[in-house]
Amino acid sequence: MKILMFSSDRGAVERMRRYGEALDKLEIVFFDRAQGRFLRFFKGYFEAKKILARERFNVITAQEIEHSFLAWILSRKFKIPWQMQIHTDIFSPYYAEHSMFNRIRVWFAKFLIPRANCVRAVSERIKKSINRPDAIILPIFSNFQSPTSNFNIREKYPGYDFYILMVGRLAPEKNFKLALEVMREVIKKFNALLIIVGDGPERKRLERQAQVGLEANVRFEGWRENLADYYASADCYLLTSDYEGYGLSVIEALQAGLPVIMNDVGLAGEIVKNGENGIIVPIGNKEKIIEALLKIREDREFREKLQAGTKKTKMPYSSFEEYRDKLIDSWKICRA
């Protein structure tokens, strides 16, 4: 089986190479963000067109909406089925609010979803929203690594009663601003530290906001490769996103035995069960997040119940090979 894949994630090259080991051929067209918003799509399109002109492939698979549009065009031209992967909750009302480009993507998604030969959604929430009953739910694989015990948040930043961890790209939709607003109220009640691991376009703005009254209670760690030690030495994990397709960092937190507080987005209700392994709060509700943090900190029995619940959480896959095989099966269905 020969697959042509569109991707902008060069960080996943090794994982993709392992996909290729189980295929006759996997050709990847990378849309390099460094080439600019529009130029990379023209270059990617013509590169894919050359590949398809010289060799027959069984399926084209594309993740981002823009990639899917190109896959649809090439599918029609070369008579090859194509798979639309949906990793973002594009029909969340919050998604369209974030930018003009997102509103355009919503329009394109409505056009493309009925025209895809097959659709992969990463969560039950997305499948329910896209009106494709035949969509395959295939969550993202978590390559979680065990803690090394070489690093401990409490040792690096001693003197706090409670350690809150957040991980993710510092972008508007992740709403780290809300977490800072929460911290302004939390530190009035107990001595807490918020550790933010990640980087992105919002970092400088968030750092400036934290410098006003939160200098001692927020730390920006930047990008880190292995987060297992962070998860292992925190007291709880917080996710304040306005929307998520899935929430890979939440899976990693649960795998580390860390109770989760998260907005009702992504895998909330699907993997995170309210009161069992985490607390789910309404999107953007600062008071409910503060209430949840207080509950986990002050109610030891409840905290231990959540910690025990993380260990009982049923994860989507038992191994990378299981995930890879299900992914390849989704391409076979597309070809059928």
Protein backbone atom coordinates (compact mmCIF):
# COMPACT_ATOMS: atom_id res chain seq x y z
CA MET A 1 0.00 0.00 0.00
CA LYS A 2 1.36 3.43 -1.01
CA ILE A 3 0.39 6.54 0.96
CA LEU A 4 1.02 10.19 0.15
CA MET A 5 0.85 12.23 3.36
CA PHE A 6 0.62 16.01 3.79
CA SER A 7 2.16 17.29 7.02
CA SER A 8 3.61 20.40 8.65
CA ASP A 9 5.00 18.51 11.64
CA ARG A 10 8.68 17.85 11.04
CA GLY A 11 9.00 16.88 14.70
CA ALA A 12 7.09 13.68 13.92
CA VAL A 13 9.49 12.42 11.24
CA GLU A 14 10.65 9.46 13.31
CA ARG A 15 7.08 8.40 14.07
CA MET A 16 6.17 8.68 10.40
CA ARG A 17 9.21 6.62 9.44
CA ARG A 18 7.83 3.85 11.62
CA TYR A 19 4.50 4.09 9.78
CA GLY A 20 6.41 3.54 6.56
CA GLU A 21 7.94 0.30 7.85
CA ALA A 22 4.51 -1.31 7.61
CA LEU A 23 3.69 0.09 4.15
CA ASP A 24 4.95 -0.47 0.63
CA LYS A 25 5.72 3.24 0.53
CA LEU A 26 5.06 6.40 2.53
CA GLU A 27 5.85 9.68 0.79
CA ILE A 28 5.56 12.84 2.90
CA VAL A 29 5.10 16.34 1.56
CA PHE A 30 6.04 18.84 4.27
CA PHE A 31 4.47 22.27 4.30
CA ASP A 32 7.23 24.25 5.95
CA ARG A 33 5.75 27.11 8.01
CA ALA A 34 9.01 29.05 7.61
CA GLN A 35 8.15 29.52 3.91
CA GLY A 36 5.19 31.73 4.75
CA ARG A 37 1.44 31.29 5.06
CA PHE A 38 0.72 31.02 1.32
CA LEU A 39 3.98 30.17 -0.44
CA ARG A 40 4.32 26.85 1.35
CA PHE A 41 0.99 25.66 -0.05
CA PHE A 42 1.93 26.47 -3.64
CA LYS A 43 5.26 24.67 -3.23
CA GLY A 44 3.61 21.71 -1.49
CA TYR A 45 0.95 21.42 -4.17
CA PHE A 46 3.43 21.33 -7.05
CA GLU A 47 5.69 18.90 -5.19
CA ALA A 48 2.75 16.54 -4.61
CA LYS A 49 1.61 16.92 -8.21
CA LYS A 50 5.05 15.83 -9.48
CA ILE A 51 5.06 12.81 -7.16
CA LEU A 52 1.61 11.68 -8.29
CA ALA A 53 2.47 12.21 -11.97
CA ARG A 54 5.37 9.75 -11.81
CA GLU A 55 3.91 7.12 -9.45
CA ARG A 56 0.53 5.71 -8.49
CA PHE A 57 -0.49 6.00 -4.82
CA ASN A 58 -3.45 4.36 -3.08
CA VAL A 59 -4.51 7.16 -0.71
CA ILE A 60 -3.73 10.81 -0.01
CA THR A 61 -4.07 11.72 3.67
CA ALA A 62 -4.12 15.30 4.98
CA GLN A 63 -4.56 16.83 8.40
CA GLU A 64 -4.95 20.61 8.25
CA ILE A 65 -7.91 22.17 6.43
CA GLU A 66 -5.63 23.83 3.87
CA HIS A 67 -3.87 20.51 3.25
CA SER A 68 -7.23 18.82 2.81
CA PHE A 69 -8.25 21.32 0.15
CA LEU A 70 -5.12 20.46 -1.86
CA ALA A 71 -5.74 16.74 -1.28
CA TRP A 72 -9.27 17.13 -2.69
CA ILE A 73 -7.96 18.88 -5.82
CA LEU A 74 -5.25 16.26 -6.40
CA SER A 75 -7.68 13.44 -5.70
CA ARG A 76 -9.95 14.66 -8.48
CA LYS A 77 -7.07 15.18 -10.89
CA PHE A 78 -5.39 11.79 -10.33
CA LYS A 79 -8.48 9.71 -9.38
CA ILE A 80 -7.06 8.73 -5.98
CA PRO A 81 -9.14 8.50 -2.77
CA TRP A 82 -8.26 10.94 0.01
CA GLN A 83 -8.60 10.97 3.75
CA MET A 84 -9.41 14.11 5.72
CA GLN A 85 -7.95 14.06 9.23
CA ILE A 86 -9.61 16.42 11.71
CA HIS A 87 -7.48 17.15 14.77
CA THR A 88 -9.17 20.38 15.85
CA ASP A 89 -12.69 21.09 17.07
CA ILE A 90 -13.38 23.28 14.05
CA PHE A 91 -17.10 23.60 14.73
CA SER A 92 -16.66 24.82 18.29
CA PRO A 93 -18.08 28.37 18.43
CA TYR A 94 -14.82 29.46 20.05
CA TYR A 95 -12.77 28.28 17.07
CA ALA A 96 -14.29 30.74 14.61
CA GLU A 97 -14.03 33.60 17.11
CA HIS A 98 -10.24 33.41 17.29
CA SER A 99 -9.38 34.67 13.80
CA MET A 100 -10.60 35.51 10.32
CA PHE A 101 -8.54 32.60 8.98
CA ASN A 102 -10.39 30.23 11.31
CA ARG A 103 -13.73 31.46 9.97
CA ILE A 104 -12.50 30.75 6.44
CA ARG A 105 -11.33 27.29 7.55
CA VAL A 106 -14.79 26.54 8.92
CA TRP A 107 -16.29 27.34 5.52
CA PHE A 108 -13.73 25.11 3.77
CA ALA A 109 -14.37 22.31 6.28
CA LYS A 110 -18.09 22.38 5.56
CA PHE A 111 -17.29 22.12 1.86
CA LEU A 112 -14.65 19.38 2.17
CA ILE A 113 -16.05 17.00 4.80
CA PRO A 114 -18.86 15.64 2.57
CA ARG A 115 -16.38 15.26 -0.31
CA ALA A 116 -13.73 13.26 1.52
CA ASN A 117 -13.61 9.54 0.73
CA CYS A 118 -13.08 8.92 4.43
CA VAL A 119 -12.66 10.99 7.58
CA ARG A 120 -10.57 10.44 10.68
CA ALA A 121 -11.57 12.32 13.83
CA VAL A 122 -9.36 12.29 16.91
CA SER A 123 -12.21 12.42 19.44
CA GLU A 124 -15.85 11.51 19.87
CA ARG A 125 -16.61 15.21 20.33
CA ILE A 126 -15.35 16.01 16.83
CA LYS A 127 -17.16 13.09 15.22
CA LYS A 128 -20.46 14.27 16.70
CA SER A 129 -19.90 17.76 15.30
CA ILE A 130 -19.00 16.98 11.68
CA ASN A 131 -22.05 15.03 10.51
CA ARG A 132 -20.10 12.08 9.13
CA PRO A 133 -21.46 8.94 10.85
CA ASP A 134 -18.85 6.86 9.01
CA ALA A 135 -15.94 8.87 10.46
CA ILE A 136 -13.32 6.78 12.23
CA ILE A 137 -12.35 7.87 15.74
CA LEU A 138 -8.59 7.49 16.05
CA PRO A 139 -7.06 9.45 18.93
CA ILE A 140 -3.49 10.75 18.87
CA PHE A 141 -0.80 8.41 20.15
CA SER A 142 1.01 9.41 23.35
CA ASN A 143 4.67 8.47 23.40
CA PHE A 144 4.91 9.03 27.16
CA GLN A 145 8.28 8.41 28.76
CA SER A 146 8.80 7.32 32.35
CA PRO A 147 10.18 9.88 34.83
CA THR A 148 13.96 9.89 35.18
CA SER A 149 14.05 11.25 38.76
CA ASN A 150 16.75 13.66 37.57
CA PHE A 151 14.46 16.66 37.96
CA ASN A 152 11.85 17.72 40.48
CA ILE A 153 9.74 20.87 40.35
CA ARG A 154 9.73 21.09 44.14
CA GLU A 155 13.50 21.01 44.32
CA LYS A 156 13.93 23.59 41.57
CA TYR A 157 11.29 25.89 43.06
CA PRO A 158 11.07 25.15 46.81
CA GLY A 159 8.82 26.85 49.32
CA TYR A 160 5.36 26.47 47.78
CA ASP A 161 2.34 24.58 49.14
CA PHE A 162 0.89 23.55 45.78
CA TYR A 163 2.36 23.08 42.30
CA ILE A 164 0.17 23.50 39.20
CA LEU A 165 1.46 22.40 35.80
CA MET A 166 0.43 23.54 32.32
CA VAL A 167 1.96 22.32 29.04
CA GLY A 168 1.26 23.57 25.54
CA ARG A 169 1.85 26.01 22.73
CA LEU A 170 1.52 29.56 24.01
CA ALA A 171 -1.17 30.60 21.55
CA PRO A 172 -4.45 32.54 22.03
CA GLU A 173 -6.74 29.49 21.81
CA LYS A 174 -4.93 27.86 24.75
CA ASN A 175 -6.08 30.81 26.92
CA PHE A 176 -3.13 30.88 29.32
CA LYS A 177 -4.35 34.39 30.14
CA LEU A 178 -7.24 32.77 32.02
CA ALA A 179 -4.77 30.70 34.05
CA LEU A 180 -2.97 33.88 35.09
CA GLU A 181 -6.28 35.42 36.15
CA VAL A 182 -6.98 32.29 38.20
CA MET A 183 -3.57 32.55 39.86
CA ARG A 184 -4.24 36.13 40.97
CA GLU A 185 -7.12 34.81 43.05
CA VAL A 186 -5.53 31.52 44.11
CA ILE A 187 -2.47 33.13 45.73
CA LYS A 188 -4.81 35.05 48.01
CA LYS A 189 -5.87 31.70 49.47
CA PHE A 190 -2.67 29.61 49.46
CA ASN A 191 0.95 29.72 48.32
CA ALA A 192 0.85 28.15 44.87
CA LEU A 193 3.22 28.04 41.92
CA LEU A 194 2.11 27.76 38.29
CA ILE A 195 4.69 26.16 35.97
CA ILE A 196 4.09 26.74 32.26
CA VAL A 197 6.06 24.54 29.86
CA GLY A 198 5.96 25.52 26.21
CA ASP A 199 6.62 28.31 23.78
CA GLY A 200 4.72 30.26 21.16
CA PRO A 201 3.58 33.66 19.92
CA GLU A 202 1.89 34.62 23.19
CA ARG A 203 4.90 34.04 25.45
CA LYS A 204 6.21 37.60 25.73
CA ARG A 205 2.75 39.02 26.35
CA LEU A 206 2.02 36.43 29.02
CA GLU A 207 5.37 37.04 30.68
CA ARG A 208 4.61 40.77 30.85
CA GLN A 209 1.23 40.04 32.43
CA ALA A 210 2.81 37.74 35.00
CA GLN A 211 5.33 40.43 35.97
CA VAL A 212 2.48 42.43 37.49
CA GLY A 213 1.69 40.76 40.80
CA LEU A 214 2.61 37.19 39.86
CA GLU A 215 6.42 37.44 39.72
CA ALA A 216 6.85 34.91 42.52
CA ASN A 217 4.06 32.55 41.52
CA VAL A 218 4.45 31.85 37.79
CA ARG A 219 7.44 30.31 36.01
CA PHE A 220 7.84 29.99 32.23
CA GLU A 221 10.05 27.00 31.41
CA GLY A 222 10.09 27.27 27.64
CA TRP A 223 10.11 24.18 25.41
CA ARG A 224 11.24 20.87 26.97
CA GLU A 225 11.73 17.50 25.28
CA ASN A 226 10.92 15.14 28.15
CA LEU A 227 8.10 16.31 30.38
CA ALA A 228 7.69 13.17 32.48
CA ASP A 229 9.57 14.64 35.46
CA TYR A 230 7.40 17.75 35.37
CA TYR A 231 4.22 15.67 35.44
CA ALA A 232 5.58 13.39 38.17
CA SER A 233 6.45 16.21 40.58
CA ALA A 234 3.39 18.48 40.23
CA ASP A 235 0.17 18.37 42.29
CA CYS A 236 -2.31 18.82 39.44
CA TYR A 237 -2.52 19.54 35.74
CA LEU A 238 -4.51 22.50 34.39
CA LEU A 239 -5.86 23.01 30.87
CA THR A 240 -7.71 26.26 30.08
CA SER A 241 -8.08 25.99 26.27
CA ASP A 242 -11.10 27.53 24.57
CA TYR A 243 -11.15 24.50 22.25
CA GLU A 244 -9.11 21.34 21.66
CA GLY A 245 -9.27 18.55 19.18
CA TYR A 246 -8.05 16.04 21.71
CA GLY A 247 -5.57 17.17 24.39
CA LEU A 248 -2.40 15.07 24.27
CA SER A 249 -0.86 16.76 27.30
CA VAL A 250 -3.89 15.67 29.35
CA ILE A 251 -3.24 12.05 28.40
CA GLU A 252 0.40 12.43 29.45
CA ALA A 253 -0.65 13.93 32.79
CA LEU A 254 -3.01 11.03 33.46
CA GLN A 255 -0.32 8.52 32.51
CA ALA A 256 1.90 10.15 35.16
CA GLY A 257 -0.84 9.81 37.79
CA LEU A 258 -1.59 13.53 37.87
CA PRO A 259 -5.18 14.71 38.51
CA VAL A 260 -6.51 17.00 35.78
CA ILE A 261 -8.57 20.16 35.87
CA MET A 262 -9.73 21.06 32.38
CA ASN A 263 -12.29 23.01 30.41
CA ASP A 264 -15.04 21.01 28.75
CA VAL A 265 -13.10 20.56 25.51
CA GLY A 266 -11.36 17.80 23.58
CA LEU A 267 -11.30 14.49 25.44
CA ALA A 268 -13.26 15.79 28.43
CA GLY A 269 -15.98 13.27 29.18
CA GLU A 270 -14.34 10.73 26.88
CA ILE A 271 -11.05 10.03 28.69
CA VAL A 272 -11.27 12.49 31.58
CA LYS A 273 -14.26 11.58 33.73
CA ASN A 274 -15.51 14.28 36.06
CA GLY A 275 -14.88 13.32 39.69
CA GLU A 276 -13.08 10.10 38.72
CA ASN A 277 -9.68 11.12 37.36
CA GLY A 278 -10.16 14.87 37.02
CA ILE A 279 -12.51 17.81 37.20
CA ILE A 280 -14.24 19.23 34.10
CA VAL A 281 -15.33 22.87 34.23
CA PRO A 282 -17.31 25.06 31.80
CA ILE A 283 -15.18 26.86 29.22
CA GLY A 284 -13.77 30.14 30.53
CA ASN A 285 -15.27 29.83 34.02
CA LYS A 286 -12.58 31.26 36.31
CA GLU A 287 -14.55 30.70 39.52
CA LYS A 288 -15.07 26.99 38.79
CA ILE A 289 -11.35 26.50 38.13
CA ILE A 290 -10.48 28.19 41.43
CA GLU A 291 -13.07 26.03 43.17
CA ALA A 292 -11.55 22.88 41.61
CA LEU A 293 -8.03 23.84 42.65
CA LEU A 294 -9.17 24.44 46.21
CA LYS A 295 -11.00 21.10 46.23
CA ILE A 296 -7.94 19.13 45.11
CA ARG A 297 -5.61 20.93 47.51
CA GLU A 298 -7.79 20.84 50.62
CA ASP A 299 -9.71 17.58 50.28
CA ARG A 300 -7.07 14.87 50.67
CA GLU A 301 -9.53 12.01 50.28
CA PHE A 302 -10.85 13.45 47.03
CA ARG A 303 -7.33 14.10 45.74
CA GLU A 304 -6.32 10.51 46.44
CA LYS A 305 -9.48 9.30 44.71
CA LEU A 306 -8.53 11.23 41.56
CA GLN A 307 -4.97 9.93 41.72
CA ALA A 308 -6.26 6.38 41.96
CA GLY A 309 -8.61 7.12 39.07
CA THR A 310 -5.75 8.15 36.81
CA LYS A 311 -4.24 4.68 37.21
CA LYS A 312 -7.54 3.07 36.17
CA THR A 313 -7.98 5.27 33.10
CA LYS A 314 -8.36 3.24 29.94
CA MET A 315 -5.96 4.64 27.38
CA PRO A 316 -6.73 4.45 23.63
CA TYR A 317 -3.70 2.26 22.80
CA SER A 318 -1.47 -0.23 24.57
CA SER A 319 1.45 0.29 22.17
CA PHE A 320 2.67 2.30 19.20
CA GLU A 321 2.20 -0.77 17.00
CA GLU A 322 -1.51 -0.92 17.90
CA TYR A 323 -1.92 2.74 16.97
CA ARG A 324 0.03 2.33 13.73
CA ASP A 325 -2.04 -0.69 12.68
CA LYS A 326 -5.31 1.15 13.32
CA LEU A 327 -4.05 4.13 11.36
CA ILE A 328 -3.14 1.91 8.40
CA ASP A 329 -6.54 0.22 8.65
CA SER A 330 -8.15 3.66 8.29
CA TRP A 331 -6.27 4.11 4.99
CA LYS A 332 -7.35 0.68 3.80
CA ILE A 333 -10.99 1.58 4.49
CA CYS A 334 -10.47 4.79 2.51
CA ARG A 335 -9.16 2.84 -0.45
CA ALA A 336 -12.02 0.30 -0.39
